[in-house]
């Protein structure tokens, strides 16, 4: 089958792998993911998402149930802060473009269920990525990131 330039076909050990390049806030990506999975009916669908981010996308009330004091005691307040700011920025961008952030991933998960495919969440936990990045930065690097994250809340 012929697809757009965003879909790459790979053969590996007699298996066909379709790699779909997506934009995280794009209706055309949502549509393409849906179309390819419905047409191909794969046995497995992998999405570049960790289980904690997937759960956060499914459970919109997750923040309401969070123990903020526990987060601070465990030294994870930066992770919470960074996640909140990135989420706010993505939501604003999504509202400007008319697409929810991560909609292509949720659509891939829904399409996988619809065609009976196994869903694999194929990414490292976002907390590990953020912690490693934060630890590798100098004090001034951290201040620069924090100021840019804060400034992004006010940019239209």
N, C-alpha and C. Protein backbone atom coordinates (compact mmCIF):
# COMPACT_ATOMS: atom_id res chain seq x y z
N UNK A 1 0.85 -1.17 0.00
CA UNK A 1 0.00 0.00 0.00
C UNK A 1 0.90 1.24 0.00
N UNK A 2 0.43 2.30 -0.59
CA UNK A 2 1.21 3.53 -0.69
C UNK A 2 0.73 4.55 0.34
N UNK A 3 1.67 5.09 1.09
CA UNK A 3 1.35 6.07 2.13
C UNK A 3 2.15 7.34 1.90
N UNK A 4 1.90 8.33 2.74
CA UNK A 4 2.62 9.60 2.65
C UNK A 4 4.09 9.39 3.02
N UNK A 5 4.87 10.42 2.85
CA UNK A 5 6.28 10.37 3.20
C UNK A 5 6.54 10.22 4.69
N UNK A 6 5.49 10.31 5.51
CA UNK A 6 5.64 10.14 6.96
C UNK A 6 5.64 8.68 7.38
N UNK A 7 5.26 7.78 6.47
CA UNK A 7 5.19 6.36 6.79
C UNK A 7 6.36 5.65 6.13
N UNK A 8 7.17 5.00 6.95
CA UNK A 8 8.37 4.31 6.46
C UNK A 8 8.20 2.81 6.68
N UNK A 9 8.42 2.05 5.61
CA UNK A 9 8.31 0.59 5.69
C UNK A 9 9.68 -0.01 5.93
N UNK A 10 9.75 -0.89 6.93
CA UNK A 10 11.00 -1.54 7.29
C UNK A 10 10.73 -3.04 7.34
N UNK A 11 11.63 -3.84 6.76
CA UNK A 11 11.53 -5.29 6.86
C UNK A 11 12.61 -5.78 7.80
N UNK A 12 12.21 -6.61 8.76
CA UNK A 12 13.16 -7.12 9.75
C UNK A 12 12.76 -8.55 10.11
N UNK A 13 13.64 -9.49 9.84
CA UNK A 13 13.37 -10.90 10.16
C UNK A 13 12.00 -11.35 9.66
N UNK A 14 11.74 -11.11 8.40
CA UNK A 14 10.49 -11.50 7.75
C UNK A 14 9.25 -10.82 8.33
N UNK A 15 9.45 -9.73 9.05
CA UNK A 15 8.33 -8.96 9.58
C UNK A 15 8.32 -7.61 8.91
N UNK A 16 7.12 -7.09 8.70
CA UNK A 16 6.97 -5.76 8.13
C UNK A 16 6.67 -4.79 9.27
N UNK A 17 7.45 -3.73 9.33
CA UNK A 17 7.26 -2.70 10.35
C UNK A 17 6.93 -1.41 9.62
N UNK A 18 5.86 -0.77 10.04
CA UNK A 18 5.51 0.55 9.50
C UNK A 18 5.79 1.57 10.59
N UNK A 19 6.68 2.48 10.31
CA UNK A 19 7.04 3.54 11.25
C UNK A 19 6.36 4.82 10.77
N UNK A 20 5.47 5.35 11.62
CA UNK A 20 4.71 6.54 11.23
C UNK A 20 5.28 7.75 11.97
N UNK A 21 5.86 8.66 11.23
CA UNK A 21 6.35 9.91 11.82
C UNK A 21 5.18 10.85 12.05
N UNK A 22 5.06 11.36 13.26
CA UNK A 22 3.92 12.22 13.58
C UNK A 22 4.38 13.53 14.20
N UNK A 23 3.49 14.50 14.15
CA UNK A 23 3.66 15.74 14.90
C UNK A 23 2.71 15.63 16.09
N UNK A 24 3.16 16.02 17.26
CA UNK A 24 2.36 15.78 18.46
C UNK A 24 1.11 16.65 18.57
N UNK A 25 1.01 17.68 17.78
CA UNK A 25 -0.21 18.51 17.80
C UNK A 25 -0.61 18.76 16.35
N UNK A 26 -1.17 17.71 15.72
CA UNK A 26 -1.50 17.80 14.30
C UNK A 26 -2.67 16.88 13.96
N UNK A 27 -3.72 17.45 13.42
CA UNK A 27 -4.88 16.64 13.03
C UNK A 27 -4.52 15.69 11.91
N UNK A 28 -3.63 16.11 11.00
CA UNK A 28 -3.25 15.20 9.90
C UNK A 28 -2.52 13.98 10.44
N UNK A 29 -1.74 14.13 11.52
CA UNK A 29 -1.08 12.98 12.14
C UNK A 29 -2.11 12.04 12.76
N UNK A 30 -3.10 12.61 13.42
CA UNK A 30 -4.18 11.80 14.02
C UNK A 30 -4.87 10.99 12.92
N UNK A 31 -5.22 11.66 11.84
CA UNK A 31 -5.92 11.01 10.73
C UNK A 31 -5.06 9.92 10.08
N UNK A 32 -3.77 10.22 9.90
CA UNK A 32 -2.89 9.25 9.25
C UNK A 32 -2.69 8.01 10.11
N UNK A 33 -2.47 8.20 11.40
CA UNK A 33 -2.31 7.07 12.32
C UNK A 33 -3.55 6.18 12.26
N UNK A 34 -4.70 6.80 12.34
CA UNK A 34 -5.97 6.08 12.30
C UNK A 34 -6.12 5.30 11.00
N UNK A 35 -5.85 5.96 9.89
CA UNK A 35 -5.99 5.35 8.57
C UNK A 35 -5.05 4.16 8.38
N UNK A 36 -3.77 4.33 8.72
CA UNK A 36 -2.79 3.26 8.52
C UNK A 36 -3.14 2.05 9.38
N UNK A 37 -3.49 2.26 10.63
CA UNK A 37 -3.81 1.13 11.51
C UNK A 37 -5.09 0.43 11.03
N UNK A 38 -6.09 1.19 10.64
CA UNK A 38 -7.33 0.58 10.14
C UNK A 38 -7.09 -0.21 8.85
N UNK A 39 -6.25 0.31 7.96
CA UNK A 39 -5.99 -0.38 6.69
C UNK A 39 -5.11 -1.61 6.87
N UNK A 40 -4.07 -1.49 7.68
CA UNK A 40 -3.09 -2.57 7.82
C UNK A 40 -3.52 -3.64 8.83
N UNK A 41 -4.30 -3.25 9.83
CA UNK A 41 -4.72 -4.16 10.90
C UNK A 41 -3.51 -4.95 11.46
N UNK A 42 -2.56 -4.22 12.02
CA UNK A 42 -1.34 -4.88 12.52
C UNK A 42 -1.63 -5.75 13.75
N UNK A 43 -0.70 -6.65 14.04
CA UNK A 43 -0.86 -7.45 15.26
C UNK A 43 -0.33 -6.71 16.48
N UNK A 44 0.52 -5.70 16.26
CA UNK A 44 1.10 -4.92 17.36
C UNK A 44 1.18 -3.45 16.95
N UNK A 45 0.88 -2.58 17.90
CA UNK A 45 1.04 -1.14 17.71
C UNK A 45 1.90 -0.62 18.85
N UNK A 46 3.01 0.02 18.51
CA UNK A 46 3.89 0.63 19.51
C UNK A 46 3.72 2.14 19.43
N UNK A 47 3.62 2.77 20.59
CA UNK A 47 3.58 4.23 20.60
C UNK A 47 4.69 4.75 21.50
N UNK A 48 5.26 5.87 21.09
CA UNK A 48 6.37 6.47 21.83
C UNK A 48 5.82 7.22 23.04
N UNK A 49 5.48 6.43 24.05
CA UNK A 49 4.84 6.96 25.24
C UNK A 49 5.15 6.02 26.39
N UNK A 50 5.46 6.57 27.55
CA UNK A 50 5.68 5.73 28.73
C UNK A 50 4.33 5.51 29.43
N UNK A 51 4.29 4.55 30.32
CA UNK A 51 3.02 4.21 30.97
C UNK A 51 2.50 5.36 31.84
N UNK A 52 3.38 6.12 32.48
CA UNK A 52 2.89 7.21 33.34
C UNK A 52 2.28 8.34 32.50
N UNK A 53 2.86 8.65 31.35
CA UNK A 53 2.28 9.68 30.47
C UNK A 53 0.98 9.18 29.85
N UNK A 54 0.95 7.90 29.49
CA UNK A 54 -0.28 7.32 28.94
C UNK A 54 -1.40 7.40 29.97
N UNK A 55 -1.10 7.04 31.21
CA UNK A 55 -2.10 7.10 32.27
C UNK A 55 -2.56 8.54 32.50
N UNK A 56 -1.63 9.48 32.46
CA UNK A 56 -1.98 10.89 32.65
C UNK A 56 -2.90 11.38 31.53
N UNK A 57 -2.68 10.89 30.32
CA UNK A 57 -3.54 11.30 29.20
C UNK A 57 -4.94 10.70 29.33
N UNK A 58 -5.02 9.51 29.91
CA UNK A 58 -6.31 8.85 30.08
C UNK A 58 -7.08 9.38 31.29
N UNK A 59 -6.34 9.70 32.36
CA UNK A 59 -6.96 10.13 33.62
C UNK A 59 -6.74 11.62 33.81
N UNK A 60 -7.69 12.41 33.37
CA UNK A 60 -7.57 13.87 33.46
C UNK A 60 -7.60 14.37 34.90
N UNK A 61 -8.10 13.57 35.84
CA UNK A 61 -8.18 13.98 37.24
C UNK A 61 -6.98 13.52 38.06
N UNK A 62 -5.96 13.00 37.41
CA UNK A 62 -4.79 12.48 38.11
C UNK A 62 -4.17 13.53 39.02
N UNK A 63 -4.13 14.78 38.57
CA UNK A 63 -3.51 15.85 39.37
C UNK A 63 -4.28 16.09 40.66
N UNK A 64 -5.60 15.92 40.61
CA UNK A 64 -6.42 16.15 41.80
C UNK A 64 -6.12 15.14 42.91
N UNK A 65 -5.71 13.95 42.52
CA UNK A 65 -5.45 12.88 43.49
C UNK A 65 -3.99 12.83 43.95
N UNK A 66 -3.17 13.74 43.46
CA UNK A 66 -1.74 13.72 43.78
C UNK A 66 -1.48 14.30 45.17
N UNK A 67 -0.58 13.65 45.90
CA UNK A 67 -0.15 14.13 47.22
C UNK A 67 1.04 15.07 47.01
N UNK A 68 0.77 16.36 46.98
CA UNK A 68 1.80 17.37 46.70
C UNK A 68 2.92 17.32 47.75
N UNK A 69 2.55 17.14 49.01
CA UNK A 69 3.56 17.08 50.07
C UNK A 69 4.53 15.92 49.85
N UNK A 70 4.00 14.79 49.41
CA UNK A 70 4.84 13.62 49.14
C UNK A 70 5.80 13.92 47.98
N UNK A 71 5.30 14.58 46.96
CA UNK A 71 6.14 14.94 45.81
C UNK A 71 7.30 15.82 46.26
N UNK A 72 7.02 16.82 47.10
CA UNK A 72 8.05 17.73 47.60
C UNK A 72 9.04 16.97 48.49
N UNK A 73 8.52 16.13 49.40
CA UNK A 73 9.39 15.35 50.30
C UNK A 73 10.34 14.44 49.52
N UNK A 74 9.86 13.89 48.40
CA UNK A 74 10.68 12.97 47.60
C UNK A 74 11.62 13.71 46.65
N UNK A 75 11.62 15.04 46.72
CA UNK A 75 12.52 15.83 45.88
C UNK A 75 12.12 15.85 44.41
N UNK A 76 10.85 15.68 44.14
CA UNK A 76 10.38 15.64 42.76
C UNK A 76 9.56 16.87 42.38
N UNK A 77 9.72 17.93 43.15
CA UNK A 77 8.91 19.13 42.87
C UNK A 77 9.25 19.73 41.51
N UNK A 78 10.53 19.68 41.09
CA UNK A 78 10.87 20.20 39.77
C UNK A 78 10.15 19.42 38.68
N UNK A 79 10.11 18.08 38.83
CA UNK A 79 9.44 17.26 37.83
C UNK A 79 7.97 17.65 37.70
N UNK A 80 7.34 17.85 38.84
CA UNK A 80 5.94 18.26 38.83
C UNK A 80 5.79 19.63 38.17
N UNK A 81 6.65 20.55 38.56
CA UNK A 81 6.63 21.91 38.02
C UNK A 81 6.84 21.90 36.51
N UNK A 82 7.85 21.19 36.06
CA UNK A 82 8.16 21.12 34.62
C UNK A 82 7.01 20.47 33.86
N UNK A 83 6.45 19.40 34.41
CA UNK A 83 5.32 18.74 33.76
C UNK A 83 4.12 19.67 33.64
N UNK A 84 3.83 20.40 34.71
CA UNK A 84 2.69 21.32 34.69
C UNK A 84 2.87 22.41 33.65
N UNK A 85 4.07 22.97 33.58
CA UNK A 85 4.34 24.04 32.62
C UNK A 85 4.29 23.50 31.19
N UNK A 86 4.92 22.34 30.94
CA UNK A 86 4.89 21.77 29.59
C UNK A 86 3.47 21.41 29.18
N UNK A 87 2.69 20.88 30.12
CA UNK A 87 1.30 20.54 29.83
C UNK A 87 0.50 21.79 29.49
N UNK A 88 0.70 22.85 30.26
CA UNK A 88 -0.02 24.11 29.99
C UNK A 88 0.36 24.67 28.62
N UNK A 89 1.65 24.63 28.29
CA UNK A 89 2.11 25.13 27.00
C UNK A 89 1.51 24.30 25.85
N UNK A 90 1.55 22.97 25.99
CA UNK A 90 1.01 22.11 24.95
C UNK A 90 -0.50 22.30 24.80
N UNK A 91 -1.19 22.48 25.92
CA UNK A 91 -2.64 22.71 25.85
C UNK A 91 -2.95 23.99 25.09
N UNK A 92 -2.18 25.03 25.39
CA UNK A 92 -2.41 26.31 24.71
C UNK A 92 -2.13 26.17 23.21
N UNK A 93 -1.04 25.52 22.88
CA UNK A 93 -0.71 25.30 21.48
C UNK A 93 -1.79 24.45 20.80
N UNK A 94 -2.24 23.42 21.50
CA UNK A 94 -3.30 22.56 20.97
C UNK A 94 -4.59 23.31 20.74
N UNK A 95 -4.93 24.21 21.65
CA UNK A 95 -6.18 24.97 21.49
C UNK A 95 -6.07 25.93 20.30
N UNK A 96 -4.87 26.44 20.05
CA UNK A 96 -4.68 27.32 18.89
C UNK A 96 -4.79 26.55 17.58
N UNK A 97 -4.36 25.28 17.61
CA UNK A 97 -4.37 24.46 16.40
C UNK A 97 -5.61 23.57 16.29
N UNK A 98 -6.42 23.54 17.35
CA UNK A 98 -7.64 22.75 17.33
C UNK A 98 -7.44 21.26 17.53
N UNK A 99 -6.30 20.86 18.09
CA UNK A 99 -6.00 19.45 18.32
C UNK A 99 -5.42 19.30 19.72
N UNK A 100 -5.86 18.29 20.45
CA UNK A 100 -5.30 18.05 21.78
C UNK A 100 -3.89 17.49 21.66
N UNK A 101 -2.97 17.92 22.50
CA UNK A 101 -1.62 17.37 22.48
C UNK A 101 -1.65 15.86 22.73
N UNK A 102 -0.92 15.12 21.92
CA UNK A 102 -0.87 13.67 22.08
C UNK A 102 -2.06 12.93 21.50
N UNK A 103 -2.92 13.64 20.78
CA UNK A 103 -4.12 13.00 20.22
C UNK A 103 -3.75 11.87 19.27
N UNK A 104 -2.63 11.99 18.57
CA UNK A 104 -2.22 10.93 17.64
C UNK A 104 -1.85 9.66 18.40
N UNK A 105 -1.31 9.81 19.61
CA UNK A 105 -0.96 8.63 20.41
C UNK A 105 -2.22 7.96 20.96
N UNK A 106 -3.14 8.78 21.45
CA UNK A 106 -4.40 8.22 21.94
C UNK A 106 -5.18 7.56 20.81
N UNK A 107 -5.15 8.16 19.64
CA UNK A 107 -5.84 7.56 18.49
C UNK A 107 -5.19 6.24 18.10
N UNK A 108 -3.86 6.17 18.15
CA UNK A 108 -3.17 4.92 17.85
C UNK A 108 -3.57 3.84 18.85
N UNK A 109 -3.66 4.20 20.14
CA UNK A 109 -4.08 3.24 21.16
C UNK A 109 -5.51 2.79 20.92
N UNK A 110 -6.39 3.72 20.60
CA UNK A 110 -7.79 3.37 20.31
C UNK A 110 -7.90 2.50 19.07
N UNK A 111 -7.15 2.84 18.03
CA UNK A 111 -7.18 2.06 16.79
C UNK A 111 -6.62 0.66 17.03
N UNK A 112 -5.59 0.55 17.86
CA UNK A 112 -5.03 -0.76 18.19
C UNK A 112 -6.09 -1.64 18.84
N UNK A 113 -6.81 -1.07 19.77
CA UNK A 113 -7.88 -1.82 20.44
C UNK A 113 -8.97 -2.21 19.44
N UNK A 114 -9.31 -1.28 18.57
CA UNK A 114 -10.37 -1.51 17.58
C UNK A 114 -10.04 -2.67 16.64
N UNK A 115 -8.76 -2.79 16.23
CA UNK A 115 -8.38 -3.86 15.29
C UNK A 115 -7.84 -5.11 16.01
N UNK A 116 -7.83 -5.08 17.34
CA UNK A 116 -7.38 -6.24 18.10
C UNK A 116 -5.87 -6.39 18.19
N UNK A 117 -5.14 -5.30 18.02
CA UNK A 117 -3.68 -5.33 18.09
C UNK A 117 -3.20 -5.17 19.52
N UNK A 118 -2.06 -5.77 19.81
CA UNK A 118 -1.42 -5.56 21.11
C UNK A 118 -0.84 -4.15 21.14
N UNK A 119 -1.06 -3.43 22.24
CA UNK A 119 -0.51 -2.08 22.39
C UNK A 119 0.75 -2.16 23.24
N UNK A 120 1.83 -1.60 22.72
CA UNK A 120 3.09 -1.54 23.47
C UNK A 120 3.45 -0.08 23.67
N UNK A 121 3.64 0.29 24.94
CA UNK A 121 4.09 1.63 25.29
C UNK A 121 5.61 1.58 25.26
N UNK A 122 6.21 2.20 24.25
CA UNK A 122 7.62 1.99 23.94
C UNK A 122 8.47 3.23 24.21
N UNK A 123 8.44 3.72 25.44
CA UNK A 123 9.29 4.84 25.78
C UNK A 123 9.72 4.72 27.23
N UNK A 124 10.86 5.30 27.53
CA UNK A 124 11.35 5.35 28.90
C UNK A 124 10.48 6.33 29.68
N UNK A 125 10.32 6.08 30.97
CA UNK A 125 9.50 6.95 31.81
C UNK A 125 10.01 8.39 31.71
N UNK A 126 9.08 9.30 31.48
CA UNK A 126 9.43 10.72 31.31
C UNK A 126 10.14 11.26 32.55
N UNK A 127 9.85 10.73 33.72
CA UNK A 127 10.50 11.20 34.95
C UNK A 127 12.00 10.94 34.90
N UNK A 128 12.38 9.79 34.37
CA UNK A 128 13.81 9.45 34.27
C UNK A 128 14.50 10.42 33.31
N UNK A 129 13.87 10.69 32.19
CA UNK A 129 14.44 11.62 31.21
C UNK A 129 14.62 13.00 31.83
N UNK A 130 13.58 13.50 32.50
CA UNK A 130 13.66 14.83 33.12
C UNK A 130 14.71 14.86 34.23
N UNK A 131 14.76 13.81 35.06
CA UNK A 131 15.76 13.78 36.15
C UNK A 131 17.18 13.79 35.60
N UNK A 132 17.44 12.99 34.59
CA UNK A 132 18.79 12.94 34.00
C UNK A 132 19.17 14.28 33.37
N UNK A 133 18.22 14.88 32.70
CA UNK A 133 18.47 16.18 32.09
C UNK A 133 18.78 17.22 33.15
N UNK A 134 17.95 17.27 34.19
CA UNK A 134 18.10 18.24 35.28
C UNK A 134 19.44 18.06 35.99
N UNK A 135 19.80 16.82 36.29
CA UNK A 135 21.06 16.55 37.00
C UNK A 135 22.28 16.93 36.16
N UNK A 136 22.16 16.84 34.86
CA UNK A 136 23.28 17.15 33.98
C UNK A 136 23.48 18.63 33.71
N UNK A 137 22.60 19.47 34.26
CA UNK A 137 22.68 20.91 33.99
C UNK A 137 23.40 21.65 35.11
N UNK A 138 24.02 22.74 34.74
CA UNK A 138 24.61 23.63 35.74
C UNK A 138 23.48 24.43 36.39
N UNK A 139 23.81 25.12 37.47
CA UNK A 139 22.82 25.96 38.14
C UNK A 139 22.23 26.98 37.17
N UNK A 140 23.10 27.64 36.39
CA UNK A 140 22.63 28.67 35.46
C UNK A 140 21.84 28.05 34.32
N UNK A 141 22.21 26.87 33.92
CA UNK A 141 21.43 26.16 32.90
C UNK A 141 20.02 25.86 33.40
N UNK A 142 19.93 25.46 34.66
CA UNK A 142 18.62 25.20 35.27
C UNK A 142 17.79 26.48 35.33
N UNK A 143 18.43 27.58 35.72
CA UNK A 143 17.71 28.85 35.81
C UNK A 143 17.20 29.28 34.43
N UNK A 144 18.03 29.05 33.41
CA UNK A 144 17.64 29.40 32.04
C UNK A 144 16.42 28.58 31.61
N UNK A 145 16.45 27.28 31.87
CA UNK A 145 15.31 26.42 31.51
C UNK A 145 14.05 26.85 32.25
N UNK A 146 14.18 27.10 33.55
CA UNK A 146 13.01 27.52 34.34
C UNK A 146 12.44 28.83 33.81
N UNK A 147 13.33 29.78 33.50
CA UNK A 147 12.83 31.07 33.00
C UNK A 147 12.17 30.91 31.63
N UNK A 148 12.71 30.05 30.78
CA UNK A 148 12.10 29.82 29.47
C UNK A 148 10.76 29.11 29.60
N UNK A 149 10.68 28.15 30.51
CA UNK A 149 9.40 27.48 30.74
C UNK A 149 8.35 28.46 31.24
N UNK A 150 8.75 29.29 32.20
CA UNK A 150 7.81 30.29 32.72
C UNK A 150 7.41 31.29 31.64
N UNK A 151 8.37 31.75 30.87
CA UNK A 151 8.07 32.72 29.81
C UNK A 151 7.14 32.13 28.76
N UNK A 152 7.27 30.83 28.52
CA UNK A 152 6.42 30.19 27.50
C UNK A 152 4.94 30.24 27.87
N UNK A 153 4.65 30.40 29.15
CA UNK A 153 3.26 30.50 29.58
C UNK A 153 2.60 31.79 29.12
N UNK A 154 3.42 32.81 28.87
CA UNK A 154 2.89 34.13 28.56
C UNK A 154 3.00 34.51 27.09
N UNK A 155 3.62 33.66 26.29
CA UNK A 155 3.79 33.93 24.86
C UNK A 155 2.54 33.46 24.12
N UNK A 156 2.07 34.26 23.20
CA UNK A 156 0.88 33.85 22.41
C UNK A 156 1.29 33.41 21.04
